[in-house]
Amino acid sequence: MMSELFRVLLIVGVLAFILIIILLMKRGHLGLKYSLIWFITGIVLLFCSLFPGILKYVTHLIGIKSEVNTVFFVGVLFLLLIILFLTTVVSGLNDSIRSLTQDIGMLEKRIRELEGKNESQK
């Protein structure tokens, strides 16, 4: 069972977390695509801190003995999903960089060809 002081601190912390996410979105430091998962995480944490019975219910539902183990299990799953998501983003950016590098190389070659033609015409 959570103490009242811990619940209040958790609620204040989660609200601060959600506020930081919103401020980062407003300032353009965090894109909508990336902030959505953090915002949803904050909402889930807020509900779990407001209604601690949810955690007990989920713990019982999936057959785990302790609520602490459920928190660690969900945390590890969350981190794995974040890693997978960021890996796909990095892979896409890597492909974009490769394509842009090839385009730049072709453009530089074309510029050298045009400069060569220009100099030969003089």
Protein backbone atom coordinates (compact mmCIF):
# COMPACT_ATOMS: atom_id res chain seq x y z
CA MET A 1 0.00 0.00 0.00
CA MET A 2 1.26 3.46 -0.90
CA SER A 3 1.50 6.07 1.82
CA GLU A 4 -0.45 9.29 1.26
CA LEU A 5 2.75 11.34 1.16
CA PHE A 6 4.20 9.07 -1.54
CA ARG A 7 1.00 9.28 -3.58
CA VAL A 8 0.99 13.08 -3.39
CA LEU A 9 4.67 13.25 -4.39
CA LEU A 10 4.04 10.81 -7.23
CA ILE A 11 1.08 12.83 -8.51
CA VAL A 12 3.06 16.09 -8.35
CA GLY A 13 6.01 14.40 -10.10
CA VAL A 14 3.84 12.98 -12.88
CA LEU A 15 2.07 16.31 -13.41
CA ALA A 16 5.49 18.02 -13.64
CA PHE A 17 6.57 15.34 -16.14
CA ILE A 18 3.49 15.95 -18.31
CA LEU A 19 4.03 19.73 -18.09
CA ILE A 20 7.65 19.32 -19.22
CA ILE A 21 6.51 17.20 -22.18
CA ILE A 22 3.98 19.88 -23.18
CA LEU A 23 6.58 22.66 -22.85
CA LEU A 24 9.10 20.71 -24.95
CA MET A 25 6.43 20.22 -27.61
CA LYS A 26 5.51 23.93 -27.61
CA ARG A 27 9.13 24.98 -27.99
CA GLY A 28 9.69 22.51 -30.81
CA HIS A 29 12.33 20.50 -28.96
CA LEU A 30 10.23 17.34 -29.05
CA GLY A 31 8.20 16.28 -32.06
CA LEU A 32 4.62 15.14 -31.80
CA LYS A 33 5.55 11.66 -32.95
CA TYR A 34 8.02 11.22 -30.09
CA SER A 35 6.13 13.10 -27.42
CA LEU A 36 2.99 11.02 -27.82
CA ILE A 37 4.51 7.95 -26.18
CA TRP A 38 5.85 10.04 -23.28
CA PHE A 39 2.52 11.81 -22.86
CA ILE A 40 0.65 8.49 -22.77
CA THR A 41 3.18 7.18 -20.26
CA GLY A 42 2.53 10.21 -18.05
CA ILE A 43 -1.24 9.69 -18.23
CA VAL A 44 -0.86 6.00 -17.30
CA LEU A 45 1.40 6.91 -14.39
CA LEU A 46 -1.09 9.55 -13.27
CA PHE A 47 -3.96 7.05 -13.28
CA CYS A 48 -1.86 4.51 -11.38
CA SER A 49 -0.95 7.11 -8.77
CA LEU A 50 -4.53 8.38 -8.44
CA PHE A 51 -6.02 4.87 -8.38
CA PRO A 52 -3.47 2.44 -6.87
CA GLY A 53 -6.02 -0.36 -7.15
CA ILE A 54 -5.29 -0.48 -10.89
CA LEU A 55 -1.80 -1.80 -10.19
CA LYS A 56 -3.16 -4.44 -7.81
CA TYR A 57 -5.72 -5.50 -10.42
CA VAL A 58 -3.12 -5.77 -13.21
CA THR A 59 -0.78 -7.68 -10.90
CA HIS A 60 -3.52 -10.17 -10.07
CA LEU A 61 -4.67 -10.33 -13.71
CA ILE A 62 -1.29 -11.37 -15.11
CA GLY A 63 -0.50 -13.66 -12.17
CA ILE A 64 2.48 -11.89 -10.65
CA LYS A 65 2.92 -12.23 -6.88
CA SER A 66 4.09 -8.71 -6.05
CA GLU A 67 3.11 -5.26 -7.31
CA VAL A 68 6.78 -4.26 -7.33
CA ASN A 69 7.52 -7.06 -9.78
CA THR A 70 4.69 -5.82 -12.00
CA VAL A 71 6.18 -2.33 -12.02
CA PHE A 72 9.60 -3.72 -12.98
CA PHE A 73 8.06 -5.99 -15.63
CA VAL A 74 6.08 -3.15 -17.22
CA GLY A 75 9.13 -0.86 -16.97
CA VAL A 76 11.34 -3.37 -18.78
CA LEU A 77 8.69 -3.85 -21.48
CA PHE A 78 8.41 -0.08 -21.86
CA LEU A 79 12.17 0.30 -22.22
CA LEU A 80 12.29 -2.49 -24.81
CA LEU A 81 9.55 -0.77 -26.80
CA ILE A 82 11.41 2.55 -26.61
CA ILE A 83 14.62 0.87 -27.80
CA LEU A 84 12.77 -0.80 -30.68
CA PHE A 85 11.09 2.47 -31.65
CA LEU A 86 14.34 4.43 -31.55
CA THR A 87 16.12 1.70 -33.53
CA THR A 88 13.56 2.00 -36.31
CA VAL A 89 13.96 5.78 -36.28
CA VAL A 90 17.76 5.49 -36.47
CA SER A 91 17.49 2.96 -39.31
CA GLY A 92 15.26 5.31 -41.28
CA LEU A 93 17.60 8.24 -40.66
CA ASN A 94 20.55 6.11 -41.73
CA ASP A 95 18.83 5.32 -45.03
CA SER A 96 18.01 9.02 -45.51
CA ILE A 97 21.63 10.02 -44.86
CA ARG A 98 22.88 7.43 -47.33
CA SER A 99 20.46 8.67 -49.99
CA LEU A 100 21.31 12.32 -49.36
CA THR A 101 25.05 11.56 -49.50
CA GLN A 102 24.59 9.86 -52.87
CA ASP A 103 22.53 12.79 -54.14
CA ILE A 104 25.21 15.26 -53.02
CA GLY A 105 27.88 13.20 -54.75
CA MET A 106 25.90 13.18 -58.00
CA LEU A 107 25.24 16.93 -57.75
CA GLU A 108 28.91 17.67 -57.11
CA LYS A 109 29.86 15.56 -60.13
CA ARG A 110 27.32 17.43 -62.25
CA ILE A 111 28.67 20.80 -61.01
CA ARG A 112 32.24 19.77 -61.91
CA GLU A 113 31.06 18.66 -65.37
CA LEU A 114 29.26 21.97 -65.95
CA GLU A 115 32.25 23.96 -64.69
CA GLY A 116 34.50 21.99 -67.04
CA LYS A 117 32.22 22.70 -69.98
CA ASN A 118 32.06 26.38 -69.02
CA GLU A 119 35.86 26.67 -68.84
CA SER A 120 36.33 24.88 -72.18
CA GLN A 121 33.95 27.32 -73.88
CA LYS A 122 35.98 30.35 -72.74
